[in-house]
Amino acid sequence: QVQLVESGGGLVQAGGSLRLSCVVSGERAIINAGTWYRQAPGKQRETVASITSSGSISVLNALKDRFRISIDNGKNTVYLQMEYLQPEDTAIYSCHANVWTQVRGSQDYWGQGTQVTVSS
């Protein structure tokens, strides 16, 4: 069974950095594409950044200077490096991946989310 497990969230002071990881495991899974989303309290979910296994990248314009997405195909992991964090970056960050397995073909999976809290 394919699972996505996120880690790396936590409490950080404004100006600090965090790196989120999204590990895909199970059934000899291969990541086709990965996306990070975030949802702050009282706000709609927004797409932060996405990446394909071939390295095609898209990052929310407002975050391009501070956030970077990357993928390690060998480790089946999608990363989100976040720099110069601000209180408005506080949100639950969730990973979504389109994953291929021999048994199921390509399917979409979600992680459980990880909380990022930035204090002023």
N, C-alpha and C. Protein backbone atom coordinates (compact mmCIF):
# COMPACT_ATOMS: atom_id res chain seq x y z
N GLN A 1 0.84 -1.19 0.00
CA GLN A 1 0.00 0.00 0.00
C GLN A 1 0.88 1.24 0.00
N VAL A 2 0.53 2.21 -0.84
CA VAL A 2 1.32 3.43 -0.93
C VAL A 2 0.97 4.38 0.21
N GLN A 3 1.98 4.96 0.80
CA GLN A 3 1.77 5.94 1.86
C GLN A 3 2.65 7.16 1.62
N LEU A 4 2.11 8.32 2.01
CA LEU A 4 2.87 9.56 1.99
C LEU A 4 3.02 10.02 3.43
N VAL A 5 4.25 10.28 3.83
CA VAL A 5 4.49 10.73 5.20
C VAL A 5 5.28 12.02 5.14
N GLU A 6 4.70 13.06 5.72
CA GLU A 6 5.36 14.37 5.75
C GLU A 6 6.07 14.55 7.09
N SER A 7 7.11 15.32 7.06
CA SER A 7 7.82 15.66 8.28
C SER A 7 8.54 16.98 8.07
N GLY A 8 9.04 17.54 9.16
CA GLY A 8 9.82 18.75 9.07
C GLY A 8 9.12 20.01 9.54
N GLY A 9 7.83 19.92 9.83
CA GLY A 9 7.12 21.08 10.33
C GLY A 9 7.49 21.37 11.77
N GLY A 10 6.99 22.49 12.29
CA GLY A 10 7.27 22.85 13.66
C GLY A 10 7.11 24.33 13.90
N LEU A 11 7.65 24.77 15.01
CA LEU A 11 7.58 26.18 15.41
C LEU A 11 8.93 26.83 15.11
N VAL A 12 8.88 27.96 14.46
CA VAL A 12 10.11 28.68 14.10
C VAL A 12 9.86 30.17 14.25
N GLN A 13 10.90 30.91 14.57
CA GLN A 13 10.78 32.36 14.67
C GLN A 13 10.81 32.98 13.28
N ALA A 14 10.21 34.13 13.17
CA ALA A 14 10.22 34.86 11.90
C ALA A 14 11.66 35.05 11.43
N GLY A 15 11.85 34.80 10.14
CA GLY A 15 13.18 34.87 9.57
C GLY A 15 13.89 33.54 9.51
N GLY A 16 13.33 32.55 10.17
CA GLY A 16 13.95 31.24 10.19
C GLY A 16 13.61 30.40 8.97
N SER A 17 14.12 29.17 8.98
CA SER A 17 13.95 28.27 7.85
C SER A 17 13.45 26.91 8.31
N LEU A 18 12.78 26.24 7.41
CA LEU A 18 12.37 24.86 7.64
C LEU A 18 12.46 24.11 6.31
N ARG A 19 12.69 22.82 6.40
CA ARG A 19 12.61 21.97 5.22
C ARG A 19 11.61 20.85 5.49
N LEU A 20 10.57 20.83 4.67
CA LEU A 20 9.56 19.79 4.77
C LEU A 20 9.94 18.65 3.84
N SER A 21 9.64 17.43 4.29
CA SER A 21 9.88 16.24 3.48
C SER A 21 8.58 15.47 3.30
N CYS A 22 8.42 14.91 2.14
CA CYS A 22 7.27 14.06 1.84
C CYS A 22 7.82 12.77 1.25
N VAL A 23 7.79 11.72 2.05
CA VAL A 23 8.34 10.43 1.63
C VAL A 23 7.23 9.52 1.14
N VAL A 24 7.40 9.01 -0.04
CA VAL A 24 6.45 8.06 -0.63
C VAL A 24 7.00 6.66 -0.46
N SER A 25 6.21 5.78 0.12
CA SER A 25 6.69 4.42 0.36
C SER A 25 5.63 3.41 -0.06
N GLY A 26 6.11 2.17 -0.29
CA GLY A 26 5.19 1.07 -0.55
C GLY A 26 5.09 0.66 -1.99
N GLU A 27 4.89 -0.62 -2.22
CA GLU A 27 4.55 -1.20 -3.53
C GLU A 27 5.49 -0.77 -4.65
N ARG A 28 6.78 -0.58 -4.34
CA ARG A 28 7.75 -0.14 -5.36
C ARG A 28 7.23 1.09 -6.09
N ALA A 29 6.72 2.03 -5.32
CA ALA A 29 6.11 3.24 -5.87
C ALA A 29 7.13 4.14 -6.53
N ILE A 30 6.70 4.82 -7.58
CA ILE A 30 7.52 5.80 -8.28
C ILE A 30 6.73 7.10 -8.36
N ILE A 31 7.36 8.19 -7.95
CA ILE A 31 6.67 9.49 -7.98
C ILE A 31 6.68 10.02 -9.42
N ASN A 32 5.49 10.36 -9.92
CA ASN A 32 5.40 11.06 -11.20
C ASN A 32 5.49 12.56 -10.99
N ALA A 33 4.80 13.04 -9.95
CA ALA A 33 4.78 14.47 -9.64
C ALA A 33 4.39 14.66 -8.19
N GLY A 34 4.88 15.74 -7.60
CA GLY A 34 4.55 16.05 -6.21
C GLY A 34 4.17 17.51 -6.07
N THR A 35 3.26 17.78 -5.15
CA THR A 35 2.78 19.15 -4.93
C THR A 35 2.66 19.40 -3.44
N TRP A 36 3.07 20.58 -3.03
CA TRP A 36 2.84 21.02 -1.66
C TRP A 36 1.72 22.06 -1.66
N TYR A 37 0.79 21.87 -0.74
CA TYR A 37 -0.31 22.81 -0.51
C TYR A 37 -0.19 23.33 0.92
N ARG A 38 -0.87 24.44 1.17
CA ARG A 38 -0.98 24.90 2.54
C ARG A 38 -2.36 25.51 2.77
N GLN A 39 -2.79 25.42 4.01
CA GLN A 39 -4.06 26.02 4.39
C GLN A 39 -3.92 26.65 5.75
N ALA A 40 -4.10 27.96 5.78
CA ALA A 40 -4.04 28.70 7.02
C ALA A 40 -5.44 28.76 7.64
N PRO A 41 -5.53 28.98 8.95
CA PRO A 41 -6.85 29.05 9.59
C PRO A 41 -7.73 30.11 8.95
N GLY A 42 -8.93 29.72 8.59
CA GLY A 42 -9.87 30.66 8.02
C GLY A 42 -9.63 31.02 6.58
N LYS A 43 -8.66 30.36 5.94
CA LYS A 43 -8.35 30.68 4.55
C LYS A 43 -8.49 29.44 3.68
N GLN A 44 -8.59 29.68 2.38
CA GLN A 44 -8.67 28.56 1.46
C GLN A 44 -7.29 27.94 1.25
N ARG A 45 -7.33 26.68 0.89
CA ARG A 45 -6.08 26.00 0.58
C ARG A 45 -5.46 26.60 -0.67
N GLU A 46 -4.15 26.75 -0.66
CA GLU A 46 -3.47 27.26 -1.84
C GLU A 46 -2.31 26.34 -2.23
N THR A 47 -2.04 26.35 -3.51
CA THR A 47 -0.94 25.54 -4.04
C THR A 47 0.37 26.29 -3.85
N VAL A 48 1.29 25.69 -3.15
CA VAL A 48 2.56 26.34 -2.86
C VAL A 48 3.56 26.10 -3.99
N ALA A 49 3.75 24.83 -4.34
CA ALA A 49 4.75 24.50 -5.34
C ALA A 49 4.52 23.08 -5.83
N SER A 50 4.94 22.81 -7.07
CA SER A 50 4.81 21.47 -7.61
C SER A 50 6.05 21.14 -8.43
N ILE A 51 6.28 19.84 -8.58
CA ILE A 51 7.45 19.38 -9.33
C ILE A 51 7.13 18.02 -9.94
N THR A 52 7.70 17.77 -11.12
CA THR A 52 7.56 16.47 -11.74
C THR A 52 8.85 15.67 -11.56
N SER A 53 8.79 14.39 -11.85
CA SER A 53 9.97 13.55 -11.70
C SER A 53 11.09 13.96 -12.64
N SER A 54 10.73 14.65 -13.74
CA SER A 54 11.74 15.12 -14.68
C SER A 54 12.30 16.48 -14.30
N GLY A 55 11.74 17.08 -13.23
CA GLY A 55 12.30 18.33 -12.73
C GLY A 55 11.58 19.59 -13.13
N SER A 56 10.43 19.48 -13.78
CA SER A 56 9.65 20.67 -14.12
C SER A 56 9.03 21.23 -12.84
N ILE A 57 9.22 22.54 -12.63
CA ILE A 57 8.86 23.16 -11.35
C ILE A 57 7.91 24.32 -11.54
N SER A 58 7.00 24.45 -10.59
CA SER A 58 6.12 25.61 -10.53
C SER A 58 6.01 26.03 -9.08
N VAL A 59 6.20 27.32 -8.79
CA VAL A 59 6.11 27.85 -7.43
C VAL A 59 5.20 29.07 -7.44
N LEU A 60 4.36 29.17 -6.43
CA LEU A 60 3.49 30.33 -6.28
C LEU A 60 4.34 31.60 -6.38
N ASN A 61 3.90 32.51 -7.22
CA ASN A 61 4.70 33.71 -7.50
C ASN A 61 5.14 34.45 -6.24
N ALA A 62 4.22 34.58 -5.30
CA ALA A 62 4.52 35.34 -4.09
C ALA A 62 5.57 34.66 -3.22
N LEU A 63 5.86 33.40 -3.49
CA LEU A 63 6.79 32.64 -2.65
C LEU A 63 8.09 32.30 -3.36
N LYS A 64 8.21 32.66 -4.62
CA LYS A 64 9.36 32.22 -5.41
C LYS A 64 10.70 32.62 -4.82
N ASP A 65 10.75 33.73 -4.16
CA ASP A 65 12.02 34.20 -3.62
C ASP A 65 12.42 33.48 -2.35
N ARG A 66 11.47 32.79 -1.70
CA ARG A 66 11.75 32.20 -0.39
C ARG A 66 11.58 30.69 -0.33
N PHE A 67 10.75 30.13 -1.22
CA PHE A 67 10.45 28.70 -1.15
C PHE A 67 11.04 27.98 -2.36
N ARG A 68 11.51 26.78 -2.13
CA ARG A 68 12.07 25.98 -3.21
C ARG A 68 11.63 24.54 -3.07
N ILE A 69 11.18 23.96 -4.16
CA ILE A 69 10.75 22.56 -4.16
C ILE A 69 11.78 21.74 -4.91
N SER A 70 12.00 20.52 -4.43
CA SER A 70 12.94 19.63 -5.10
C SER A 70 12.46 18.19 -4.93
N ILE A 71 13.05 17.30 -5.71
CA ILE A 71 12.66 15.90 -5.66
C ILE A 71 13.91 15.04 -5.70
N ASP A 72 13.92 14.00 -4.89
CA ASP A 72 14.98 13.00 -4.92
C ASP A 72 14.32 11.70 -5.35
N ASN A 73 14.45 11.37 -6.63
CA ASN A 73 13.77 10.19 -7.16
C ASN A 73 14.30 8.91 -6.52
N GLY A 74 15.57 8.90 -6.18
CA GLY A 74 16.14 7.72 -5.55
C GLY A 74 15.57 7.44 -4.17
N LYS A 75 15.21 8.52 -3.47
CA LYS A 75 14.65 8.37 -2.12
C LYS A 75 13.13 8.50 -2.13
N ASN A 76 12.54 8.67 -3.31
CA ASN A 76 11.09 8.85 -3.41
C ASN A 76 10.59 9.93 -2.46
N THR A 77 11.27 11.05 -2.47
CA THR A 77 10.96 12.12 -1.54
C THR A 77 10.87 13.46 -2.26
N VAL A 78 9.86 14.23 -1.87
CA VAL A 78 9.69 15.59 -2.36
C VAL A 78 9.95 16.53 -1.19
N TYR A 79 10.77 17.55 -1.42
CA TYR A 79 11.14 18.47 -0.36
C TYR A 79 10.56 19.85 -0.64
N LEU A 80 10.33 20.60 0.44
CA LEU A 80 9.98 22.01 0.33
C LEU A 80 10.89 22.77 1.28
N GLN A 81 11.83 23.51 0.72
CA GLN A 81 12.73 24.34 1.51
C GLN A 81 12.12 25.72 1.65
N MET A 82 11.95 26.16 2.88
CA MET A 82 11.30 27.44 3.13
C MET A 82 12.27 28.34 3.90
N GLU A 83 12.53 29.51 3.32
CA GLU A 83 13.47 30.45 3.92
C GLU A 83 12.75 31.73 4.33
N TYR A 84 13.38 32.47 5.26
CA TYR A 84 12.85 33.76 5.70
C TYR A 84 11.35 33.66 6.00
N LEU A 85 11.00 32.69 6.80
CA LEU A 85 9.59 32.46 7.11
C LEU A 85 9.00 33.64 7.87
N GLN A 86 7.73 33.89 7.57
CA GLN A 86 7.00 34.98 8.19
C GLN A 86 5.74 34.43 8.87
N PRO A 87 5.17 35.19 9.82
CA PRO A 87 3.97 34.70 10.49
C PRO A 87 2.86 34.32 9.53
N GLU A 88 2.76 35.01 8.41
CA GLU A 88 1.71 34.68 7.45
C GLU A 88 1.94 33.35 6.74
N ASP A 89 3.10 32.74 6.93
CA ASP A 89 3.36 31.41 6.39
C ASP A 89 2.81 30.31 7.29
N THR A 90 2.30 30.70 8.45
CA THR A 90 1.72 29.72 9.37
C THR A 90 0.54 29.03 8.72
N ALA A 91 0.60 27.70 8.69
CA ALA A 91 -0.44 26.92 8.02
C ALA A 91 -0.15 25.44 8.22
N ILE A 92 -1.13 24.64 7.83
CA ILE A 92 -0.89 23.21 7.69
C ILE A 92 -0.42 22.98 6.26
N TYR A 93 0.72 22.35 6.13
CA TYR A 93 1.29 22.07 4.81
C TYR A 93 1.06 20.59 4.50
N SER A 94 0.49 20.35 3.33
CA SER A 94 0.15 18.98 2.94
C SER A 94 0.82 18.63 1.62
N CYS A 95 1.19 17.37 1.53
CA CYS A 95 1.84 16.87 0.32
C CYS A 95 0.85 16.02 -0.48
N HIS A 96 0.87 16.22 -1.76
CA HIS A 96 0.08 15.40 -2.69
C HIS A 96 1.05 14.86 -3.73
N ALA A 97 0.87 13.60 -4.10
CA ALA A 97 1.73 13.04 -5.12
C ALA A 97 0.94 12.14 -6.07
N ASN A 98 1.30 12.22 -7.32
CA ASN A 98 0.81 11.25 -8.30
C ASN A 98 1.88 10.17 -8.38
N VAL A 99 1.46 8.96 -8.08
CA VAL A 99 2.42 7.88 -7.88
C VAL A 99 2.06 6.71 -8.78
N TRP A 100 3.09 6.12 -9.38
CA TRP A 100 2.87 4.94 -10.22
C TRP A 100 3.33 3.70 -9.49
N THR A 101 2.50 2.66 -9.54
CA THR A 101 2.90 1.33 -9.10
C THR A 101 2.48 0.34 -10.18
N GLN A 102 3.16 -0.78 -10.21
CA GLN A 102 2.84 -1.78 -11.22
C GLN A 102 1.43 -2.33 -11.03
N VAL A 103 1.00 -2.43 -9.78
CA VAL A 103 -0.31 -3.01 -9.50
C VAL A 103 -1.44 -2.03 -9.81
N ARG A 104 -1.26 -0.76 -9.42
CA ARG A 104 -2.37 0.20 -9.49
C ARG A 104 -2.25 1.21 -10.62
N GLY A 105 -1.12 1.23 -11.31
CA GLY A 105 -0.91 2.28 -12.29
C GLY A 105 -0.68 3.60 -11.59
N SER A 106 -1.08 4.71 -12.22
CA SER A 106 -0.88 6.04 -11.64
C SER A 106 -2.10 6.45 -10.83
N GLN A 107 -1.86 6.81 -9.57
CA GLN A 107 -2.94 7.26 -8.70
C GLN A 107 -2.45 8.43 -7.84
N ASP A 108 -3.42 9.15 -7.30
CA ASP A 108 -3.12 10.31 -6.46
C ASP A 108 -3.21 9.93 -4.98
N TYR A 109 -2.27 10.47 -4.21
CA TYR A 109 -2.24 10.20 -2.79
C TYR A 109 -1.97 11.50 -2.02
N TRP A 110 -2.46 11.52 -0.78
CA TRP A 110 -2.27 12.68 0.10
C TRP A 110 -1.56 12.25 1.39
N GLY A 111 -0.74 13.14 1.89
CA GLY A 111 -0.18 12.94 3.21
C GLY A 111 -1.12 13.48 4.26
N GLN A 112 -0.72 13.34 5.52
CA GLN A 112 -1.59 13.72 6.63
C GLN A 112 -1.47 15.20 6.98
N GLY A 113 -0.46 15.87 6.46
CA GLY A 113 -0.25 17.29 6.75
C GLY A 113 0.71 17.49 7.91
N THR A 114 1.42 18.59 7.86
CA THR A 114 2.33 18.94 8.94
C THR A 114 2.17 20.43 9.26
N GLN A 115 2.13 20.73 10.53
CA GLN A 115 1.88 22.11 10.97
C GLN A 115 3.18 22.92 10.95
N VAL A 116 3.09 24.09 10.36
CA VAL A 116 4.18 25.06 10.40
C VAL A 116 3.66 26.31 11.10
N THR A 117 4.33 26.69 12.17
CA THR A 117 3.94 27.88 12.92
C THR A 117 5.13 28.82 13.01
N VAL A 118 4.90 30.05 12.58
CA VAL A 118 5.97 31.06 12.57
C VAL A 118 5.60 32.14 13.57
N SER A 119 6.43 32.32 14.57
CA SER A 119 6.17 33.33 15.59
C SER A 119 6.87 34.64 15.23
N SER A 120 6.25 35.74 15.64
CA SER A 120 6.81 37.06 15.31
C SER A 120 7.80 37.51 16.36
